[in-house]
PDB file of N, CA and C in Angstrom:
ATOM      1  N   UNK A   1     233.974  21.742 162.900  1.00  0.00           N
ATOM      2  CA  UNK A   1     232.835  21.521 163.712  1.00  0.00           C
ATOM      3  C   UNK A   1     231.573  21.034 162.718  1.00  0.00           C
ATOM      4  N   UNK A   2     231.083  20.044 162.827  1.00  0.00           N
ATOM      5  CA  UNK A   2     229.480  19.777 162.272  1.00  0.00           C
ATOM      6  C   UNK A   2     228.429  19.788 163.025  1.00  0.00           C
ATOM      7  N   UNK A   3     227.344  19.969 162.575  1.00  0.00           N
ATOM      8  CA  UNK A   3     226.052  20.327 163.221  1.00  0.00           C
ATOM      9  C   UNK A   3     225.464  18.829 162.951  1.00  0.00           C
ATOM     10  N   UNK A   4     224.618  18.172 164.187  1.00  0.00           N
ATOM     11  CA  UNK A   4     224.021  17.320 163.959  1.00  0.00           C
ATOM     12  C   UNK A   4     222.461  17.663 164.704  1.00  0.00           C
ATOM     13  N   UNK A   5     221.448  16.740 163.950  1.00  0.00           N
ATOM     14  CA  UNK A   5     220.212  17.188 164.403  1.00  0.00           C
ATOM     15  C   UNK A   5     220.170  16.547 165.891  1.00  0.00           C
ATOM     16  N   UNK A   6     219.618  16.929 166.871  1.00  0.00           N
ATOM     17  CA  UNK A   6     219.814  16.315 168.324  1.00  0.00           C
ATOM     18  C   UNK A   6     218.498  15.216 168.215  1.00  0.00           C
ATOM     19  N   UNK A   7     217.273  15.211 167.399  1.00  0.00           N
ATOM     20  CA  UNK A   7     216.668  14.070 167.492  1.00  0.00           C
ATOM     21  C   UNK A   7     217.394  12.794 166.793  1.00  0.00           C
ATOM     22  N   UNK A   8     218.379  13.387 166.037  1.00  0.00           N
ATOM     23  CA  UNK A   8     219.040  12.157 165.297  1.00  0.00           C
ATOM     24  C   UNK A   8     219.934  11.628 166.275  1.00  0.00           C
ATOM     25  N   UNK A   9     220.455  12.054 167.060  1.00  0.00           N
ATOM     26  CA  UNK A   9     221.503  11.579 167.988  1.00  0.00           C
ATOM     27  C   UNK A   9     221.440  11.199 169.650  1.00  0.00           C
ATOM     28  N   UNK A  10     220.139  11.985 170.029  1.00  0.00           N
ATOM     29  CA  UNK A  10     219.825  12.081 171.587  1.00  0.00           C
ATOM     30  C   UNK A  10     218.410  11.466 171.712  1.00  0.00           C
ATOM     31  N   UNK A  11     218.418  10.891 172.871  1.00  0.00           N
ATOM     32  CA  UNK A  11     216.913  10.237 173.167  1.00  0.00           C
ATOM     33  C   UNK A  11     215.905  11.211 173.216  1.00  0.00           C
ATOM     34  N   UNK A  12     214.567  10.861 172.875  1.00  0.00           N
ATOM     35  CA  UNK A  12     213.535  11.921 172.565  1.00  0.00           C
ATOM     36  C   UNK A  12     213.352  12.486 173.980  1.00  0.00           C
ATOM     37  N   UNK A  13     213.713  11.933 175.155  1.00  0.00           N
ATOM     38  CA  UNK A  13     213.291  12.348 176.449  1.00  0.00           C
ATOM     39  C   UNK A  13     214.126  13.718 176.591  1.00  0.00           C
ATOM     40  N   UNK A  14     215.570  13.354 176.447  1.00  0.00           N
ATOM     41  CA  UNK A  14     216.554  14.085 176.491  1.00  0.00           C
ATOM     42  C   UNK A  14     216.234  15.555 175.636  1.00  0.00           C
ATOM     43  N   UNK A  15     216.051  15.243 174.389  1.00  0.00           N
ATOM     44  CA  UNK A  15     215.554  16.644 173.711  1.00  0.00           C
ATOM     45  C   UNK A  15     214.700  17.316 174.017  1.00  0.00           C
ATOM     46  N   UNK A  16     213.501  16.802 174.740  1.00  0.00           N
ATOM     47  CA  UNK A  16     212.458  17.478 175.197  1.00  0.00           C
ATOM     48  C   UNK A  16     212.995  18.230 176.697  1.00  0.00           C
ATOM     49  N   UNK A  17     213.919  17.791 177.438  1.00  0.00           N
ATOM     50  CA  UNK A  17     214.391  18.583 178.549  1.00  0.00           C
ATOM     51  C   UNK A  17     215.262  19.821 177.942  1.00  0.00           C
ATOM     52  N   UNK A  18     216.180  19.496 176.940  1.00  0.00           N
ATOM     53  CA  UNK A  18     216.793  20.445 176.367  1.00  0.00           C
ATOM     54  C   UNK A  18     216.097  21.695 175.716  1.00  0.00           C
ATOM     55  N   UNK A  19     214.933  20.980 175.026  1.00  0.00           N
ATOM     56  CA  UNK A  19     214.083  21.999 174.917  1.00  0.00           C
ATOM     57  C   UNK A  19     213.388  23.412 175.905  1.00  0.00           C
ATOM     58  N   UNK A  20     213.290  22.728 177.010  1.00  0.00           N
ATOM     59  CA  UNK A  20     212.622  23.590 178.128  1.00  0.00           C
ATOM     60  C   UNK A  20     213.755  24.678 178.248  1.00  0.00           C
ATOM     61  N   UNK A  21     214.631  24.374 178.241  1.00  0.00           N
ATOM     62  CA  UNK A  21     215.951  25.628 178.375  1.00  0.00           C
ATOM     63  C   UNK A  21     215.997  26.240 177.286  1.00  0.00           C
ATOM     64  N   UNK A  22     216.313  25.642 176.313  1.00  0.00           N
ATOM     65  CA  UNK A  22     216.698  26.380 174.892  1.00  0.00           C
ATOM     66  C   UNK A  22     215.882  25.949 173.533  1.00  0.00           C
ATOM     67  N   UNK A  23     214.730  26.592 173.203  1.00  0.00           N
ATOM     68  CA  UNK A  23     213.921  25.700 172.006  1.00  0.00           C
ATOM     69  C   UNK A  23     214.417  26.594 170.697  1.00  0.00           C
ATOM     70  N   UNK A  24     214.646  25.631 169.519  1.00  0.00           N
ATOM     71  CA  UNK A  24     214.771  26.382 168.514  1.00  0.00           C
ATOM     72  C   UNK A  24     216.491  26.673 168.207  1.00  0.00           C
ATOM     73  N   UNK A  25     217.223  27.034 169.251  1.00  0.00           N
ATOM     74  CA  UNK A  25     218.357  27.801 168.995  1.00  0.00           C
ATOM     75  C   UNK A  25     219.656  26.548 168.914  1.00  0.00           C
ATOM     76  N   UNK A  26     221.146  27.173 168.546  1.00  0.00           N
ATOM     77  CA  UNK A  26     221.979  26.333 168.430  1.00  0.00           C
ATOM     78  C   UNK A  26     222.704  26.162 169.767  1.00  0.00           C
ATOM     79  N   UNK A  27     223.358  25.021 170.198  1.00  0.00           N
ATOM     80  CA  UNK A  27     223.759  24.620 171.582  1.00  0.00           C
ATOM     81  C   UNK A  27     225.333  23.999 170.953  1.00  0.00           C
ATOM     82  N   UNK A  28     226.464  24.564 171.609  1.00  0.00           N
ATOM     83  CA  UNK A  28     227.445  24.192 171.301  1.00  0.00           C
ATOM     84  C   UNK A  28     227.929  23.156 172.506  1.00  0.00           C
ATOM     85  N   UNK A  29     228.103  21.987 172.187  1.00  0.00           N
ATOM     86  CA  UNK A  29     228.749  20.944 173.105  1.00  0.00           C
ATOM     87  C   UNK A  29     230.341  20.572 173.060  1.00  0.00           C
ATOM     88  N   UNK A  30     230.832  21.027 174.125  1.00  0.00           N
ATOM     89  CA  UNK A  30     232.638  20.843 174.220  1.00  0.00           C
ATOM     90  C   UNK A  30     232.575  19.769 174.106  1.00  0.00           C
ATOM     91  N   UNK A  31     233.874  19.324 173.648  1.00  0.00           N
ATOM     92  CA  UNK A  31     234.402  17.665 173.729  1.00  0.00           C
ATOM     93  C   UNK A  31     234.872  17.607 175.098  1.00  0.00           C
ATOM     94  N   UNK A  32     235.176  16.412 175.395  1.00  0.00           N
ATOM     95  CA  UNK A  32     235.416  15.666 176.638  1.00  0.00           C
ATOM     96  C   UNK A  32     236.883  16.105 177.068  1.00  0.00           C
ATOM     97  N   UNK A  33     237.170  16.478 178.190  1.00  0.00           N
ATOM     98  CA  UNK A  33     238.598  16.986 178.348  1.00  0.00           C
ATOM     99  C   UNK A  33     239.505  15.640 178.087  1.00  0.00           C
ATOM    100  N   UNK A  34     240.591  16.016 177.519  1.00  0.00           N
ATOM    101  CA  UNK A  34     241.579  15.115 176.978  1.00  0.00           C
ATOM    102  C   UNK A  34     241.521  14.691 175.540  1.00  0.00           C
ATOM    103  N   UNK A  35     239.914  14.599 175.121  1.00  0.00           N
ATOM    104  CA  UNK A  35     240.218  14.480 173.626  1.00  0.00           C
ATOM    105  C   UNK A  35     239.883  15.632 172.519  1.00  0.00           C
ATOM    106  N   UNK A  36     240.163  16.819 173.241  1.00  0.00           N
ATOM    107  CA  UNK A  36     240.644  17.741 172.207  1.00  0.00           C
ATOM    108  C   UNK A  36     241.486  17.626 171.264  1.00  0.00           C
ATOM    109  N   UNK A  37     241.434  18.014 169.860  1.00  0.00           N
ATOM    110  CA  UNK A  37     242.253  18.024 169.061  1.00  0.00           C
ATOM    111  C   UNK A  37     243.014  19.429 168.734  1.00  0.00           C
ATOM    112  N   UNK A  38     244.118  19.710 168.406  1.00  0.00           N
ATOM    113  CA  UNK A  38     245.019  20.845 168.263  1.00  0.00           C
ATOM    114  C   UNK A  38     244.318  21.451 166.696  1.00  0.00           C
ATOM    115  N   UNK A  39     244.604  22.612 166.549  1.00  0.00           N
ATOM    116  CA  UNK A  39     244.027  23.125 165.268  1.00  0.00           C
ATOM    117  C   UNK A  39     244.797  22.414 163.989  1.00  0.00           C
ATOM    118  N   UNK A  40     244.329  22.155 163.216  1.00  0.00           N
ATOM    119  CA  UNK A  40     244.688  21.423 162.065  1.00  0.00           C
ATOM    120  C   UNK A  40     244.587  20.001 162.031  1.00  0.00           C
ATOM    121  N   UNK A  41     244.598  19.277 163.010  1.00  0.00           N
ATOM    122  CA  UNK A  41     245.017  17.773 163.341  1.00  0.00           C
ATOM    123  C   UNK A  41     243.715  17.131 162.525  1.00  0.00           C
ATOM    124  N   UNK A  42     242.655  17.476 162.755  1.00  0.00           N
ATOM    125  CA  UNK A  42     241.420  16.616 162.200  1.00  0.00           C
ATOM    126  C   UNK A  42     241.554  16.693 160.681  1.00  0.00           C
ATOM    127  N   UNK A  43     241.848  17.717 159.881  1.00  0.00           N
ATOM    128  CA  UNK A  43     241.692  17.864 158.331  1.00  0.00           C
ATOM    129  C   UNK A  43     243.230  17.804 157.916  1.00  0.00           C
ATOM    130  N   UNK A  44     243.946  17.501 158.837  1.00  0.00           N
ATOM    131  CA  UNK A  44     245.337  17.584 158.034  1.00  0.00           C
ATOM    132  C   UNK A  44     246.369  18.937 157.699  1.00  0.00           C
ATOM    133  N   UNK A  45     245.813  19.869 157.881  1.00  0.00           N
ATOM    134  CA  UNK A  45     246.083  21.402 157.797  1.00  0.00           C
ATOM    135  C   UNK A  45     247.330  21.392 157.916  1.00  0.00           C
ATOM    136  N   UNK A  46     247.569  21.157 159.248  1.00  0.00           N
ATOM    137  CA  UNK A  46     249.015  21.219 160.017  1.00  0.00           C
ATOM    138  C   UNK A  46     249.978  20.343 159.548  1.00  0.00           C
ATOM    139  N   UNK A  47     249.643  19.155 159.136  1.00  0.00           N
ATOM    140  CA  UNK A  47     250.629  18.459 158.335  1.00  0.00           C
ATOM    141  C   UNK A  47     251.071  18.909 157.331  1.00  0.00           C
ATOM    142  N   UNK A  48     250.229  19.562 156.299  1.00  0.00           N
ATOM    143  CA  UNK A  48     250.526  20.181 155.146  1.00  0.00           C
ATOM    144  C   UNK A  48     251.194  21.215 155.611  1.00  0.00           C
ATOM    145  N   UNK A  49     251.252  22.046 156.362  1.00  0.00           N
ATOM    146  CA  UNK A  49     251.998  23.382 156.636  1.00  0.00           C
ATOM    147  C   UNK A  49     253.182  22.947 157.056  1.00  0.00           C
ATOM    148  N   UNK A  50     253.474  21.614 157.749  1.00  0.00           N
ATOM    149  CA  UNK A  50     254.631  21.176 158.313  1.00  0.00           C
ATOM    150  C   UNK A  50     255.562  21.065 157.043  1.00  0.00           C
ATOM    151  N   UNK A  51     254.925  20.088 156.027  1.00  0.00           N
ATOM    152  CA  UNK A  51     255.336  19.496 155.123  1.00  0.00           C
ATOM    153  C   UNK A  51     255.968  20.860 154.009  1.00  0.00           C
ATOM    154  N   UNK A  52     255.030  21.553 153.810  1.00  0.00           N
ATOM    155  CA  UNK A  52     255.233  22.822 153.019  1.00  0.00           C
ATOM    156  C   UNK A  52     256.531  23.524 153.652  1.00  0.00           C
ATOM    157  N   UNK A  53     256.613  23.815 154.954  1.00  0.00           N
ATOM    158  CA  UNK A  53     257.745  24.787 155.581  1.00  0.00           C
ATOM    159  C   UNK A  53     259.036  24.169 155.521  1.00  0.00           C
ATOM    160  N   UNK A  54     258.946  22.504 155.428  1.00  0.00           N
ATOM    161  CA  UNK A  54     260.055  21.623 155.484  1.00  0.00           C
ATOM    162  C   UNK A  54     260.987  22.043 153.898  1.00  0.00           C
ATOM    163  N   UNK A  55     259.966  22.152 152.974  1.00  0.00           N
ATOM    164  CA  UNK A  55     260.148  21.946 151.488  1.00  0.00           C
ATOM    165  C   UNK A  55     260.918  23.452 151.427  1.00  0.00           C
ATOM    166  N   UNK A  56     259.829  24.584 151.828  1.00  0.00           N
ATOM    167  CA  UNK A  56     260.875  25.891 151.718  1.00  0.00           C
ATOM    168  C   UNK A  56     262.047  25.907 152.402  1.00  0.00           C
ATOM    169  N   UNK A  57     262.324  25.362 153.600  1.00  0.00           N
ATOM    170  CA  UNK A  57     264.004  25.249 154.084  1.00  0.00           C
ATOM    171  C   UNK A  57     265.051  24.529 153.167  1.00  0.00           C
ATOM    172  N   UNK A  58     264.113  23.518 152.945  1.00  0.00           N
ATOM    173  CA  UNK A  58     265.186  22.891 151.948  1.00  0.00           C
ATOM    174  C   UNK A  58     265.601  23.342 150.619  1.00  0.00           C
ATOM    175  N   UNK A  59     264.555  24.226 149.917  1.00  0.00           N
ATOM    176  CA  UNK A  59     264.894  24.919 148.689  1.00  0.00           C
ATOM    177  C   UNK A  59     265.568  26.241 148.736  1.00  0.00           C
ATOM    178  N   UNK A  60     265.722  26.538 150.212  1.00  0.00           N
ATOM    179  CA  UNK A  60     266.413  27.883 150.701  1.00  0.00           C
ATOM    180  C   UNK A  60     267.849  27.322 150.943  1.00  0.00           C
ATOM    181  N   UNK A  61     268.159  26.234 151.302  1.00  0.00           N
ATOM    182  CA  UNK A  61     269.391  25.611 151.693  1.00  0.00           C
ATOM    183  C   UNK A  61     269.907  25.386 150.603  1.00  0.00           C
ATOM    184  N   UNK A  62     269.183  24.668 149.282  1.00  0.00           N
ATOM    185  CA  UNK A  62     269.620  24.288 148.084  1.00  0.00           C
ATOM    186  C   UNK A  62     269.976  25.540 147.232  1.00  0.00           C
ATOM    187  N   UNK A  63     269.710  26.828 147.657  1.00  0.00           N
ATOM    188  CA  UNK A  63     270.156  27.953 146.901  1.00  0.00           C
ATOM    189  C   UNK A  63     269.099  28.903 146.549  1.00  0.00           C
ATOM    190  N   UNK A  64     267.515  28.730 146.812  1.00  0.00           N
ATOM    191  CA  UNK A  64     266.697  29.607 146.442  1.00  0.00           C
ATOM    192  C   UNK A  64     266.491  30.654 146.987  1.00  0.00           C
ATOM    193  N   UNK A  65     266.575  31.814 146.527  1.00  0.00           N
ATOM    194  CA  UNK A  65     266.299  33.250 147.180  1.00  0.00           C
ATOM    195  C   UNK A  65     265.143  33.219 147.990  1.00  0.00           C
ATOM    196  N   UNK A  66     265.072  33.957 149.027  1.00  0.00           N
ATOM    197  CA  UNK A  66     264.328  34.235 149.863  1.00  0.00           C
ATOM    198  C   UNK A  66     262.884  34.964 148.981  1.00  0.00           C
ATOM    199  N   UNK A  67     263.560  35.949 148.259  1.00  0.00           N
ATOM    200  CA  UNK A  67     262.223  36.639 147.269  1.00  0.00           C
ATOM    201  C   UNK A  67     261.329  35.611 146.477  1.00  0.00           C
ATOM    202  N   UNK A  68     262.469  34.726 146.134  1.00  0.00           N
ATOM    203  CA  UNK A  68     261.846  33.684 144.893  1.00  0.00           C
ATOM    204  C   UNK A  68     261.017  32.568 145.757  1.00  0.00           C
ATOM    205  N   UNK A  69     261.128  32.377 147.199  1.00  0.00           N
ATOM    206  CA  UNK A  69     260.359  31.599 147.634  1.00  0.00           C
ATOM    207  C   UNK A  69     258.839  31.974 148.017  1.00  0.00           C
ATOM    208  N   UNK A  70     258.999  33.574 148.464  1.00  0.00           N
ATOM    209  CA  UNK A  70     258.012  34.232 148.872  1.00  0.00           C
ATOM    210  C   UNK A  70     257.039  34.445 147.577  1.00  0.00           C
ATOM    211  N   UNK A  71     257.581  34.479 146.358  1.00  0.00           N
ATOM    212  CA  UNK A  71     256.731  34.466 145.069  1.00  0.00           C
ATOM    213  C   UNK A  71     255.812  33.111 145.100  1.00  0.00           C
ATOM    214  N   UNK A  72     256.857  32.047 144.818  1.00  0.00           N
ATOM    215  CA  UNK A  72     256.362  30.761 144.577  1.00  0.00           C
ATOM    216  C   UNK A  72     255.334  30.484 145.510  1.00  0.00           C
ATOM    217  N   UNK A  73     255.487  30.489 146.762  1.00  0.00           N
ATOM    218  CA  UNK A  73     254.500  30.007 147.936  1.00  0.00           C
ATOM    219  C   UNK A  73     253.725  31.082 148.127  1.00  0.00           C
ATOM    220  N   UNK A  74     253.462  32.157 147.205  1.00  0.00           N
ATOM    221  CA  UNK A  74     252.679  33.248 147.700  1.00  0.00           C
ATOM    222  C   UNK A  74     252.506  33.697 148.865  1.00  0.00           C
ATOM    223  N   UNK A  75     253.645  33.664 149.885  1.00  0.00           N
ATOM    224  CA  UNK A  75     253.680  34.011 151.196  1.00  0.00           C
ATOM    225  C   UNK A  75     254.769  35.703 151.323  1.00  0.00           C
ATOM    226  N   UNK A  76     254.439  36.447 152.425  1.00  0.00           N
ATOM    227  CA  UNK A  76     255.437  37.410 152.486  1.00  0.00           C
ATOM    228  C   UNK A  76     256.804  37.196 152.774  1.00  0.00           C
ATOM    229  N   UNK A  77     257.638  38.029 152.586  1.00  0.00           N
ATOM    230  CA  UNK A  77     259.076  37.747 152.748  1.00  0.00           C
ATOM    231  C   UNK A  77     259.330  37.577 154.152  1.00  0.00           C
ATOM    232  N   UNK A  78     258.632  38.183 155.076  1.00  0.00           N
ATOM    233  CA  UNK A  78     258.592  38.065 156.387  1.00  0.00           C
ATOM    234  C   UNK A  78     258.251  36.748 157.113  1.00  0.00           C
ATOM    235  N   UNK A  79     257.153  36.163 156.249  1.00  0.00           N
ATOM    236  CA  UNK A  79     256.897  34.555 156.364  1.00  0.00           C
ATOM    237  C   UNK A  79     257.648  33.801 156.106  1.00  0.00           C
ATOM    238  N   UNK A  80     258.515  33.934 154.859  1.00  0.00           N
ATOM    239  CA  UNK A  80     259.373  32.825 154.798  1.00  0.00           C
ATOM    240  C   UNK A  80     260.418  32.854 155.360  1.00  0.00           C
ATOM    241  N   UNK A  81     260.988  34.326 155.964  1.00  0.00           N
ATOM    242  CA  UNK A  81     262.024  34.412 157.124  1.00  0.00           C
ATOM    243  C   UNK A  81     261.722  33.693 158.407  1.00  0.00           C
ATOM    244  N   UNK A  82     260.488  33.842 158.671  1.00  0.00           N
ATOM    245  CA  UNK A  82     260.102  33.158 159.855  1.00  0.00           C
ATOM    246  C   UNK A  82     260.113  31.531 159.658  1.00  0.00           C
ATOM    247  N   UNK A  83     259.704  31.048 158.540  1.00  0.00           N
ATOM    248  CA  UNK A  83     259.684  29.754 158.275  1.00  0.00           C
ATOM    249  C   UNK A  83     260.989  29.125 158.589  1.00  0.00           C
ATOM    250  N   UNK A  84     262.134  29.787 157.756  1.00  0.00           N
ATOM    251  CA  UNK A  84     263.390  29.453 157.576  1.00  0.00           C
ATOM    252  C   UNK A  84     263.897  29.539 158.893  1.00  0.00           C
ATOM    253  N   UNK A  85     263.532  30.588 159.815  1.00  0.00           N
ATOM    254  CA  UNK A  85     264.198  30.534 161.079  1.00  0.00           C
ATOM    255  C   UNK A  85     264.183  29.528 161.991  1.00  0.00           C
ATOM    256  N   UNK A  86     262.707  29.190 161.921  1.00  0.00           N
ATOM    257  CA  UNK A  86     262.041  27.950 162.605  1.00  0.00           C
ATOM    258  C   UNK A  86     262.512  26.598 162.395  1.00  0.00           C
ATOM    259  N   UNK A  87     262.532  26.524 160.907  1.00  0.00           N
ATOM    260  CA  UNK A  87     263.094  25.154 160.286  1.00  0.00           C
ATOM    261  C   UNK A  87     264.329  25.222 160.973  1.00  0.00           C
ATOM    262  N   UNK A  88     265.491  25.932 160.823  1.00  0.00           N
ATOM    263  CA  UNK A  88     266.888  25.898 161.177  1.00  0.00           C
ATOM    264  C   UNK A  88     267.187  25.880 162.825  1.00  0.00           C
ATOM    265  N   UNK A  89     266.198  26.191 163.504  1.00  0.00           N
ATOM    266  CA  UNK A  89     266.534  26.064 164.795  1.00  0.00           C
ATOM    267  C   UNK A  89     265.737  24.783 165.527  1.00  0.00           C
ATOM    268  N   UNK A  90     264.988  24.002 164.568  1.00  0.00           N
ATOM    269  CA  UNK A  90     264.755  22.797 164.862  1.00  0.00           C
ATOM    270  C   UNK A  90     265.690  21.839 165.675  1.00  0.00           C
TER     271      UNK A  90
END
């Protein structure tokens, strides 16, 4: 979420009306219905985790131990097991 100066994006009259209700504070304006993004879609984090999880599963299938994968990816053994289970059941 980014901040924008109201006077840079809104008409002067609208800024004055808003100031009648809230003067000098922050206001959150939610996205319009239907244009919301899921977590990680905007900055690519979701895709990066998906690719990481697929790589973990491939390395596991090719013989890497769960303990070694946990060490390499700096994750708990439980997290590695969860990723393997999820990828296996796709």
